């Protein structure tokens, strides 16, 4: 399943299921195929995402003898969604998915 977040204030944002589920849990929503994030919920959701991204930042360690693979961080996954929330707050538009 893919999450396709839509709003009249922004373009669509698409996330894979695992990433979308994680974002939903952080903002206090149950992962589901359909849903809505109301304007009144957005400030709290944005704050929760900011706190989660701060808490998840870890310094990378490098071993000179091994090739390092850098995973995609929560911050990288959530920044586009946080930008979408900010724009939707300004224009007072909800975010929906699965509809």
C-alpha atoms as a PDB file:
ATOM      1  CA  UNK A   1       0.000   0.000   0.000  1.00  0.00           C
ATOM      2  CA  UNK A   2       1.065   3.551  -0.637  1.00  0.00           C
ATOM      3  CA  UNK A   3      -0.010   6.628   1.274  1.00  0.00           C
ATOM      4  CA  UNK A   4      -1.068   9.442  -1.041  1.00  0.00           C
ATOM      5  CA  UNK A   5      -1.499  12.598   1.047  1.00  0.00           C
ATOM      6  CA  UNK A   6      -3.617  15.265  -0.627  1.00  0.00           C
ATOM      7  CA  UNK A   7      -4.548  18.848   0.162  1.00  0.00           C
ATOM      8  CA  UNK A   8      -5.908  21.829  -1.722  1.00  0.00           C
ATOM      9  CA  UNK A   9      -2.964  23.842  -0.377  1.00  0.00           C
ATOM     10  CA  UNK A  10      -0.203  21.622  -1.788  1.00  0.00           C
ATOM     11  CA  UNK A  11       0.654  19.006  -4.332  1.00  0.00           C
ATOM     12  CA  UNK A  12       0.265  15.327  -3.487  1.00  0.00           C
ATOM     13  CA  UNK A  13       2.817  13.553  -1.288  1.00  0.00           C
ATOM     14  CA  UNK A  14       3.352   9.817  -1.698  1.00  0.00           C
ATOM     15  CA  UNK A  15       4.981   7.547   0.906  1.00  0.00           C
ATOM     16  CA  UNK A  16       5.536   3.832   1.161  1.00  0.00           C
ATOM     17  CA  UNK A  17       3.389   2.029   3.718  1.00  0.00           C
ATOM     18  CA  UNK A  18       6.119   1.512   6.335  1.00  0.00           C
ATOM     19  CA  UNK A  19       7.131   5.170   6.279  1.00  0.00           C
ATOM     20  CA  UNK A  20       3.524   6.393   6.261  1.00  0.00           C
ATOM     21  CA  UNK A  21       2.633   4.091   9.160  1.00  0.00           C
ATOM     22  CA  UNK A  22       5.555   5.443  11.181  1.00  0.00           C
ATOM     23  CA  UNK A  23       4.535   9.053  10.492  1.00  0.00           C
ATOM     24  CA  UNK A  24       0.926   8.248  11.447  1.00  0.00           C
ATOM     25  CA  UNK A  25       2.017   6.716  14.756  1.00  0.00           C
ATOM     26  CA  UNK A  26       4.214   9.715  15.579  1.00  0.00           C
ATOM     27  CA  UNK A  27       1.397  12.206  14.983  1.00  0.00           C
ATOM     28  CA  UNK A  28      -1.066  10.129  17.003  1.00  0.00           C
ATOM     29  CA  UNK A  29      -3.135   8.710  14.155  1.00  0.00           C
ATOM     30  CA  UNK A  30      -3.875   5.037  13.626  1.00  0.00           C
ATOM     31  CA  UNK A  31      -2.268   3.766  10.431  1.00  0.00           C
ATOM     32  CA  UNK A  32      -5.148   3.268   8.023  1.00  0.00           C
ATOM     33  CA  UNK A  33      -5.958   3.268   4.341  1.00  0.00           C
ATOM     34  CA  UNK A  34      -8.142   6.379   4.688  1.00  0.00           C
ATOM     35  CA  UNK A  35      -7.929   9.356   6.975  1.00  0.00           C
ATOM     36  CA  UNK A  36      -7.837  13.067   7.545  1.00  0.00           C
ATOM     37  CA  UNK A  37      -5.603  15.442   9.450  1.00  0.00           C
ATOM     38  CA  UNK A  38      -7.699  18.442  10.406  1.00  0.00           C
ATOM     39  CA  UNK A  39      -6.196  21.927  10.598  1.00  0.00           C
ATOM     40  CA  UNK A  40      -6.828  21.967  14.373  1.00  0.00           C
ATOM     41  CA  UNK A  41      -4.616  18.855  14.777  1.00  0.00           C
ATOM     42  CA  UNK A  42      -1.728  20.084  12.651  1.00  0.00           C
ATOM     43  CA  UNK A  43       0.215  22.154  15.192  1.00  0.00           C
ATOM     44  CA  UNK A  44       0.378  19.207  17.573  1.00  0.00           C
ATOM     45  CA  UNK A  45       1.282  16.822  14.726  1.00  0.00           C
ATOM     46  CA  UNK A  46       4.059  19.139  13.564  1.00  0.00           C
ATOM     47  CA  UNK A  47       5.450  19.406  17.083  1.00  0.00           C
ATOM     48  CA  UNK A  48       5.403  15.613  17.493  1.00  0.00           C
ATOM     49  CA  UNK A  49       7.280  15.141  14.205  1.00  0.00           C
ATOM     50  CA  UNK A  50       9.869  17.752  15.128  1.00  0.00           C
ATOM     51  CA  UNK A  51      10.475  16.092  18.502  1.00  0.00           C
ATOM     52  CA  UNK A  52      10.723  12.640  16.938  1.00  0.00           C
ATOM     53  CA  UNK A  53      13.206  13.782  14.304  1.00  0.00           C
ATOM     54  CA  UNK A  54      15.356  15.488  16.948  1.00  0.00           C
ATOM     55  CA  UNK A  55      15.346  12.353  19.108  1.00  0.00           C
ATOM     56  CA  UNK A  56      16.219  10.062  16.190  1.00  0.00           C
ATOM     57  CA  UNK A  57      19.310  11.949  15.034  1.00  0.00           C
ATOM     58  CA  UNK A  58      22.387   9.878  15.768  1.00  0.00           C
ATOM     59  CA  UNK A  59      25.950  10.565  14.744  1.00  0.00           C
ATOM     60  CA  UNK A  60      27.256   8.222  12.065  1.00  0.00           C
ATOM     61  CA  UNK A  61      30.236   6.039  12.855  1.00  0.00           C
ATOM     62  CA  UNK A  62      32.639   5.057  10.140  1.00  0.00           C
ATOM     63  CA  UNK A  63      34.929   2.079   9.986  1.00  0.00           C
ATOM     64  CA  UNK A  64      37.800   2.609   7.553  1.00  0.00           C
ATOM     65  CA  UNK A  65      37.812  -1.055   6.536  1.00  0.00           C
ATOM     66  CA  UNK A  66      34.125  -1.342   5.673  1.00  0.00           C
ATOM     67  CA  UNK A  67      31.969   0.356   3.096  1.00  0.00           C
ATOM     68  CA  UNK A  68      29.360   2.441   4.861  1.00  0.00           C
ATOM     69  CA  UNK A  69      25.721   2.457   3.839  1.00  0.00           C
ATOM     70  CA  UNK A  70      23.752   5.396   5.137  1.00  0.00           C
ATOM     71  CA  UNK A  71      20.095   4.655   5.860  1.00  0.00           C
ATOM     72  CA  UNK A  72      17.418   7.216   5.087  1.00  0.00           C
ATOM     73  CA  UNK A  73      16.663   8.974   8.360  1.00  0.00           C
ATOM     74  CA  UNK A  74      13.308   9.760   9.895  1.00  0.00           C
ATOM     75  CA  UNK A  75      14.107  13.430   9.350  1.00  0.00           C
ATOM     76  CA  UNK A  76      14.559  12.904   5.610  1.00  0.00           C
ATOM     77  CA  UNK A  77      11.290  10.971   5.430  1.00  0.00           C
ATOM     78  CA  UNK A  78       9.279  13.464   7.482  1.00  0.00           C
ATOM     79  CA  UNK A  79      10.494  16.863   6.201  1.00  0.00           C
ATOM     80  CA  UNK A  80       8.248  16.834   3.100  1.00  0.00           C
ATOM     81  CA  UNK A  81       5.245  15.966   5.288  1.00  0.00           C
ATOM     82  CA  UNK A  82       6.179  18.680   7.806  1.00  0.00           C
ATOM     83  CA  UNK A  83       6.410  21.201   4.940  1.00  0.00           C
ATOM     84  CA  UNK A  84       2.985  20.074   3.750  1.00  0.00           C
ATOM     85  CA  UNK A  85       1.556  20.596   7.242  1.00  0.00           C
ATOM     86  CA  UNK A  86       3.026  24.111   7.473  1.00  0.00           C
ATOM     87  CA  UNK A  87       1.505  25.130   4.141  1.00  0.00           C
ATOM     88  CA  UNK A  88      -1.849  23.623   5.084  1.00  0.00           C
ATOM     89  CA  UNK A  89      -1.853  25.533   8.382  1.00  0.00           C
ATOM     90  CA  UNK A  90      -1.271  28.805   6.504  1.00  0.00           C
ATOM     91  CA  UNK A  91      -4.083  28.100   4.050  1.00  0.00           C
ATOM     92  CA  UNK A  92      -6.361  26.391   6.605  1.00  0.00           C
ATOM     93  CA  UNK A  93      -6.742  23.234   4.516  1.00  0.00           C
ATOM     94  CA  UNK A  94      -6.927  19.638   5.824  1.00  0.00           C
ATOM     95  CA  UNK A  95      -4.744  16.776   4.621  1.00  0.00           C
ATOM     96  CA  UNK A  96      -6.516  13.612   3.492  1.00  0.00           C
ATOM     97  CA  UNK A  97      -5.338  10.221   2.308  1.00  0.00           C
ATOM     98  CA  UNK A  98      -6.989   7.256   0.680  1.00  0.00           C
ATOM     99  CA  UNK A  99      -9.921   9.222  -0.709  1.00  0.00           C
END
